[in-house]
Protein backbone atom coordinates (compact mmCIF):
# COMPACT_ATOMS: atom_id res chain seq x y z
CA MET A 1 92.42 82.11 87.00
CA LYS A 2 92.11 82.43 90.82
CA ARG A 3 95.14 83.80 92.64
CA HIS A 4 96.15 84.39 96.16
CA ALA A 5 99.34 85.57 97.88
CA PHE A 6 100.26 84.22 101.21
CA SER A 7 102.27 85.34 104.38
CA ALA A 8 102.87 83.76 107.74
CA ALA A 9 105.30 83.19 110.62
CA ALA A 10 105.57 81.07 113.79
CA LEU A 11 104.27 81.53 117.40
CA SER A 12 103.98 79.01 120.27
CA SER A 13 102.42 78.62 123.64
CA ALA A 14 100.53 75.63 125.17
CA ILE A 15 97.57 75.32 127.52
CA LEU A 16 96.35 72.27 128.98
CA GLY A 17 92.63 71.26 129.50
CA ALA A 18 89.87 68.82 128.61
CA ALA A 19 87.68 68.28 125.64
CA MET A 20 83.76 67.86 125.75
CA PHE A 21 80.82 68.90 123.78
CA THR A 22 78.29 70.85 125.80
CA SER A 23 74.50 70.79 126.10
CA PRO A 24 72.12 73.74 125.76
CA ALA A 25 70.70 72.62 129.10
CA MET A 26 74.01 73.28 130.80
CA ALA A 27 73.83 75.71 133.41
CA GLN A 28 75.31 79.24 132.90
CA ASP A 29 77.66 79.03 135.79
CA GLU A 30 78.96 75.54 134.97
CA GLU A 31 82.42 75.71 133.35
CA GLN A 32 82.50 74.43 129.78
CA PHE A 33 85.45 73.22 127.87
CA ILE A 34 86.45 73.27 124.21
CA THR A 35 89.49 71.57 122.61
CA ILE A 36 90.59 72.91 119.24
CA GLY A 37 92.60 70.64 116.93
CA THR A 38 95.65 72.43 115.36
CA GLY A 39 98.78 71.06 113.73
CA GLY A 40 102.57 70.90 114.31
CA GLN A 41 103.89 73.51 116.68
CA THR A 42 105.98 75.07 113.94
CA GLY A 43 102.94 75.67 111.74
CA VAL A 44 100.28 78.41 111.51
CA TYR A 45 97.41 75.92 112.47
CA TYR A 46 98.93 75.78 115.86
CA VAL A 47 98.86 79.58 116.08
CA VAL A 48 95.33 79.74 114.80
CA GLY A 49 94.12 77.51 117.65
CA GLN A 50 96.26 79.20 120.34
CA SER A 51 94.99 82.61 119.19
CA VAL A 52 91.26 81.63 119.18
CA CYS A 53 91.89 80.23 122.67
CA ARG A 54 93.61 83.37 123.80
CA PHE A 55 90.52 85.47 123.26
CA VAL A 56 87.97 82.86 124.41
CA ASN A 57 89.87 82.41 127.67
CA ARG A 58 89.92 86.28 128.16
CA ASN A 59 86.21 86.15 128.54
CA SER A 60 86.00 82.77 130.54
CA GLU A 61 84.77 84.48 133.84
CA GLU A 62 81.79 86.04 131.96
CA THR A 63 81.01 83.03 129.61
CA GLY A 64 82.20 80.14 131.72
CA ILE A 65 84.06 78.68 128.69
CA ARG A 66 87.66 77.47 128.81
CA CYS A 67 89.57 76.73 125.68
CA ASN A 68 92.69 74.72 124.82
CA ALA A 69 94.40 74.15 121.62
CA PRO A 70 96.92 71.14 121.58
CA SER A 71 99.24 70.32 118.65
CA THR A 72 97.68 67.55 116.61
CA GLY A 73 98.39 65.65 113.31
CA GLY A 74 96.69 68.17 111.06
CA SER A 75 93.68 68.58 108.92
CA VAL A 76 92.45 65.14 108.51
CA ALA A 77 93.21 64.18 112.08
CA ASN A 78 91.26 67.33 113.25
CA VAL A 79 88.14 66.41 111.23
CA ASN A 80 88.21 62.80 112.43
CA GLY A 81 88.78 64.10 116.05
CA ILE A 82 85.64 66.29 115.75
CA ARG A 83 83.70 63.41 114.23
CA SER A 84 84.63 61.13 117.20
CA GLY A 85 83.93 63.86 119.78
CA GLU A 86 87.62 64.03 121.00
CA LEU A 87 87.84 67.57 119.54
CA THR A 88 85.20 70.38 119.66
CA MET A 89 86.56 72.36 116.78
CA GLY A 90 89.71 72.34 114.53
CA VAL A 91 91.49 73.77 111.69
CA ALA A 92 91.43 72.15 108.25
CA GLN A 93 92.51 72.86 104.81
CA SER A 94 89.62 73.99 102.54
CA ASP A 95 90.30 70.85 100.44
CA VAL A 96 89.99 68.54 103.36
CA GLN A 97 86.73 70.34 104.47
CA TYR A 98 85.21 69.77 100.97
CA GLN A 99 86.34 66.16 100.87
CA ALA A 100 85.08 65.26 104.43
CA TYR A 101 81.62 66.96 103.89
CA ASN A 102 81.22 65.30 100.46
CA GLY A 103 82.76 61.96 101.17
CA THR A 104 85.69 62.06 98.70
CA GLY A 105 89.50 61.76 98.89
CA ASN A 106 90.54 60.50 102.29
CA PHE A 107 86.80 60.37 103.24
CA GLU A 108 85.65 58.39 100.20
CA GLY A 109 82.28 56.79 100.93
CA GLU A 110 82.31 58.14 104.41
CA ALA A 111 80.77 61.71 104.04
CA TYR A 112 80.72 63.67 107.31
CA GLU A 113 77.40 65.44 106.76
CA ASP A 114 77.49 66.90 110.30
CA LEU A 115 80.66 68.78 109.69
CA ARG A 116 80.03 72.55 109.95
CA ALA A 117 82.10 75.57 108.79
CA VAL A 118 82.87 78.36 111.24
CA PHE A 119 85.06 80.64 109.23
CA LYS A 120 87.90 80.75 106.72
CA VAL A 121 91.33 81.89 108.03
CA HIS A 122 94.57 82.45 106.07
CA GLY A 123 95.63 81.22 102.62
CA GLU A 124 98.50 78.75 102.39
CA PRO A 125 100.28 77.15 99.40
CA LEU A 126 101.67 73.71 98.88
CA THR A 127 105.40 74.48 99.23
CA ILE A 128 108.17 72.28 98.05
CA LEU A 129 111.60 73.10 99.50
CA ALA A 130 114.56 71.04 97.93
CA ARG A 131 118.28 70.96 98.74
CA ALA A 132 120.17 72.80 96.19
CA ASP A 133 122.54 69.83 95.53
CA ALA A 134 119.49 67.61 94.63
CA ASP A 135 119.07 69.18 91.20
CA ILE A 136 115.25 69.67 91.60
CA GLU A 137 114.14 72.56 89.59
CA SER A 138 110.57 71.52 88.86
CA LEU A 139 107.76 69.20 90.00
CA ASP A 140 108.74 66.45 87.52
CA ASP A 141 112.31 66.51 89.07
CA LEU A 142 110.99 65.02 92.26
CA ALA A 143 110.60 61.57 90.60
CA GLY A 144 113.36 59.36 91.84
CA LYS A 145 114.32 61.57 94.71
CA ARG A 146 113.94 61.21 98.44
CA VAL A 147 110.76 63.30 99.28
CA ASN A 148 108.98 63.82 102.51
CA ILE A 149 105.32 63.54 101.55
CA GLY A 150 103.93 64.23 104.95
CA ASN A 151 102.68 62.37 107.79
CA PRO A 152 99.21 60.58 107.61
CA GLY A 153 96.58 62.78 108.71
CA SER A 154 98.29 65.97 107.69
CA GLY A 155 97.10 68.55 105.21
CA GLN A 156 100.42 68.30 103.27
CA ARG A 157 100.05 64.54 102.90
CA ASN A 158 96.37 64.97 101.58
CA THR A 159 97.56 67.49 99.10
CA MET A 160 100.61 65.71 97.93
CA GLU A 161 98.42 62.78 97.28
CA VAL A 162 96.04 64.83 95.05
CA VAL A 163 99.30 66.01 93.15
CA MET A 164 100.62 62.49 92.92
CA ASP A 165 97.30 61.26 91.41
CA ALA A 166 97.31 64.16 88.86
CA LYS A 167 100.73 63.10 87.81
CA GLY A 168 99.87 59.44 87.60
CA TRP A 169 102.57 58.86 90.55
CA THR A 170 102.70 56.42 93.41
CA GLU A 171 104.90 56.44 96.45
CA ASP A 172 107.22 54.13 94.35
CA THR A 173 107.79 57.07 92.02
CA PHE A 174 110.26 58.43 94.65
CA SER A 175 113.39 56.67 95.79
CA LEU A 176 111.99 57.26 99.30
CA ALA A 177 108.67 58.59 100.39
CA SER A 178 109.06 59.57 103.97
CA GLN A 179 106.29 60.44 106.21
CA LEU A 180 107.88 62.82 108.84
CA ASP A 181 105.79 65.40 110.52
CA ALA A 182 106.16 69.11 110.25
CA ALA A 183 108.61 69.37 113.20
CA GLU A 184 111.01 66.75 111.76
CA MET A 185 111.30 68.05 108.12
CA ALA A 186 113.72 70.86 108.39
CA SER A 187 116.33 68.93 110.26
CA ALA A 188 115.93 65.82 107.87
CA LEU A 189 116.55 68.10 104.99
CA SER A 190 119.53 69.79 106.62
CA ASP A 191 121.12 66.34 107.64
CA ASN A 192 120.64 65.12 104.01
CA ASN A 193 118.17 62.46 104.91
CA ILE A 194 115.80 63.71 102.27
CA ASP A 195 116.08 65.66 99.12
CA ALA A 196 112.89 67.65 99.41
CA MET A 197 110.10 68.40 101.80
CA ALA A 198 106.39 69.27 101.07
CA TYR A 199 104.56 71.59 103.37
CA VAL A 200 101.12 73.22 103.14
CA VAL A 201 101.66 76.44 105.15
CA GLY A 202 101.63 80.21 105.18
CA HIS A 203 104.63 82.27 104.84
CA PRO A 204 107.29 83.05 106.08
CA ASN A 205 107.35 79.92 108.04
CA GLY A 206 109.58 78.88 110.96
CA SER A 207 110.57 75.49 109.62
CA ILE A 208 111.39 76.76 106.15
CA GLN A 209 113.41 79.60 107.69
CA GLU A 210 115.25 76.90 109.81
CA ALA A 211 115.95 74.65 106.75
CA THR A 212 117.21 77.55 104.48
CA THR A 213 119.63 78.87 107.10
CA THR A 214 121.12 75.53 107.75
CA VAL A 215 121.62 74.26 104.27
CA ASP A 216 121.38 75.62 100.62
CA ALA A 217 117.84 75.00 99.63
CA LYS A 218 115.40 76.27 96.96
CA LEU A 219 111.72 76.75 96.71
CA VAL A 220 110.43 74.72 93.78
CA PRO A 221 107.70 76.15 91.47
CA LEU A 222 104.42 74.26 90.96
CA ASN A 223 102.72 75.59 87.86
CA ASP A 224 102.81 72.88 85.11
CA ASP A 225 99.76 71.77 83.20
CA ALA A 226 98.80 69.09 85.87
CA ILE A 227 98.73 71.75 88.74
CA LYS A 228 96.78 74.25 86.54
CA GLY A 229 94.24 71.53 85.84
CA LEU A 230 93.77 70.91 89.50
CA VAL A 231 93.03 74.58 89.97
CA GLU A 232 90.57 74.70 87.17
CA GLU A 233 88.81 71.64 88.40
CA TYR A 234 88.51 72.16 92.02
CA PRO A 235 86.93 75.31 93.70
CA TYR A 236 89.06 75.13 96.94
CA TYR A 237 92.35 75.52 95.03
CA SER A 238 94.01 78.69 93.63
CA MET A 239 97.31 79.70 92.20
CA SER A 240 99.48 81.57 94.53
CA THR A 241 102.92 83.34 94.87
CA ILE A 242 105.54 82.93 97.57
CA PRO A 243 107.28 86.36 97.63
CA GLY A 244 110.92 86.38 96.90
CA GLY A 245 113.28 87.47 99.71
CA LEU A 246 111.38 85.72 102.61
CA TYR A 247 114.07 83.07 102.87
CA LYS A 248 117.96 82.98 102.37
CA GLY A 249 119.01 81.89 99.07
CA ASN A 250 115.47 82.58 97.52
CA PRO A 251 115.40 85.99 96.02
CA ASP A 252 112.69 85.47 93.41
CA ASP A 253 109.09 85.08 93.61
CA VAL A 254 107.87 81.36 93.21
CA GLU A 255 104.63 80.38 91.66
CA THR A 256 102.64 77.49 93.26
CA PHE A 257 99.12 76.66 94.14
CA GLY A 258 97.21 76.20 97.47
CA VAL A 259 94.28 76.09 99.65
CA ALA A 260 92.79 78.12 102.62
CA ALA A 261 92.87 77.26 106.21
CA THR A 262 89.36 76.87 107.59
CA PHE A 263 87.91 76.63 111.13
CA VAL A 264 85.41 73.80 111.52
CA THR A 265 83.14 72.10 113.98
CA SER A 266 80.27 69.67 114.35
CA ALA A 267 76.55 70.22 114.18
CA GLU A 268 76.49 68.74 117.62
CA ALA A 269 78.50 71.46 119.04
CA ASP A 270 76.36 73.75 121.25
CA ASP A 271 75.13 76.87 119.45
CA GLU A 272 75.91 79.14 122.22
CA LEU A 273 79.44 77.67 122.63
CA VAL A 274 80.22 78.36 118.93
CA TYR A 275 78.63 81.82 119.06
CA GLN A 276 80.73 82.86 122.03
CA THR A 277 84.03 81.41 120.25
CA VAL A 278 83.15 83.50 117.14
CA LYS A 279 82.32 86.46 119.18
CA ALA A 280 85.65 86.21 120.96
CA VAL A 281 87.55 86.47 117.85
CA PHE A 282 85.59 89.03 115.91
CA ASP A 283 84.88 91.34 118.82
CA ASN A 284 88.75 91.57 119.21
CA PHE A 285 89.60 91.24 115.48
CA ASP A 286 92.20 94.09 115.29
CA ARG A 287 94.02 92.26 118.01
CA PHE A 288 93.69 88.95 116.44
CA LYS A 289 95.22 90.21 113.14
CA ARG A 290 98.31 91.34 115.07
CA LEU A 291 98.90 87.95 116.53
CA HIS A 292 100.44 86.53 113.27
CA PRO A 293 101.54 87.98 109.95
CA ALA A 294 99.21 85.40 108.22
CA PHE A 295 96.31 87.28 109.58
CA GLU A 296 97.13 90.80 108.74
CA ASN A 297 95.08 90.92 105.47
CA LEU A 298 91.99 89.04 106.77
CA ASP A 299 88.66 90.51 106.06
CA PRO A 300 85.75 89.43 108.09
CA GLN A 301 83.18 89.21 105.25
CA ASP A 302 85.47 87.14 103.06
CA MET A 303 86.13 84.85 106.05
CA VAL A 304 82.54 84.02 106.53
CA SER A 305 81.35 83.72 102.88
CA ASN A 306 84.25 82.29 100.86
CA GLY A 307 86.14 79.06 100.73
CA LEU A 308 83.71 77.23 102.89
CA SER A 309 82.24 73.84 101.59
CA ALA A 310 80.15 72.81 104.62
CA PRO A 311 77.11 74.60 106.03
CA LEU A 312 77.82 77.35 108.51
CA HIS A 313 77.31 76.39 112.18
CA GLU A 314 74.16 77.98 113.38
CA GLY A 315 75.93 79.49 116.31
CA ALA A 316 78.39 81.19 113.98
CA ALA A 317 75.71 82.24 111.58
CA ARG A 318 73.79 83.97 114.33
CA TYR A 319 76.84 86.17 115.18
CA TYR A 320 77.39 86.99 111.46
CA ARG A 321 73.73 87.82 110.84
CA GLU A 322 74.01 90.25 113.80
CA GLN A 323 76.93 91.97 112.14
CA GLY A 324 75.10 92.12 108.84
CA TRP A 325 77.84 90.08 107.08
CA ILE A 326 75.21 87.39 105.90
CA GLU A 327 71.41 87.41 105.51
């Protein structure tokens, strides 16, 4: 069985800019803008986008490319934003990338064949955090409870819906199925407005640290037969372990399952623009890895060859061929 261990933390800064696709005919000295869709400001997707922009913008005088990475609704919203042209690139869970390209799940009957992969980033498990007084020890114990299943367009909502389908559940299975975004979950748990929250994220994470320091809360294992069946069936899922001791009151390892964060764009995005974005990251890879604990174990060849369901964008593939990472 596939297995990954995950780690992450929080980082924040914001840059303002404009979004547009560029044309190969654009003059070299004309400034070009890219906008990267991320996620909530407490999550690692926001860090990914900000980190990529940090290195792209370091080279802006040479390349003429300016980058910004605003907070967005998450994976599904990012793919839809790329499709509509509102975003140039974005971060998306590996399962969302698969579903979008193949026209399944949230993209049923609407395959996005122009979606292109750029690289895989960090791994991230589905994390269920429950109030200690809610008596939730396993996945089945969520039935009848007040559970935040995630805001529409987010990765956690997408993955929770997959889990719910595997269990034969609907929103009515819960006494409350709230749809709070990542920035609202921790306070809702602490204020006893929900019993449990679902979050697809790397660890340690700021929101979960906030929640566990303001209320007694426990990580819930996700390892029953339904979960193991999902891992066996779908290539973008793997079992994972959240290490013990990362959060107050959670000294033991907790087994769950998860996906990987991936960086995606459109086939319409200019080859040189994507090439320069990839080059900015990998030419500064040691510095990139230091920007977040989730990045510390990243390996370039793994990032460009595994966990990607859509074809590589030609601009990215050009750089990887130059490095000898792909043929």
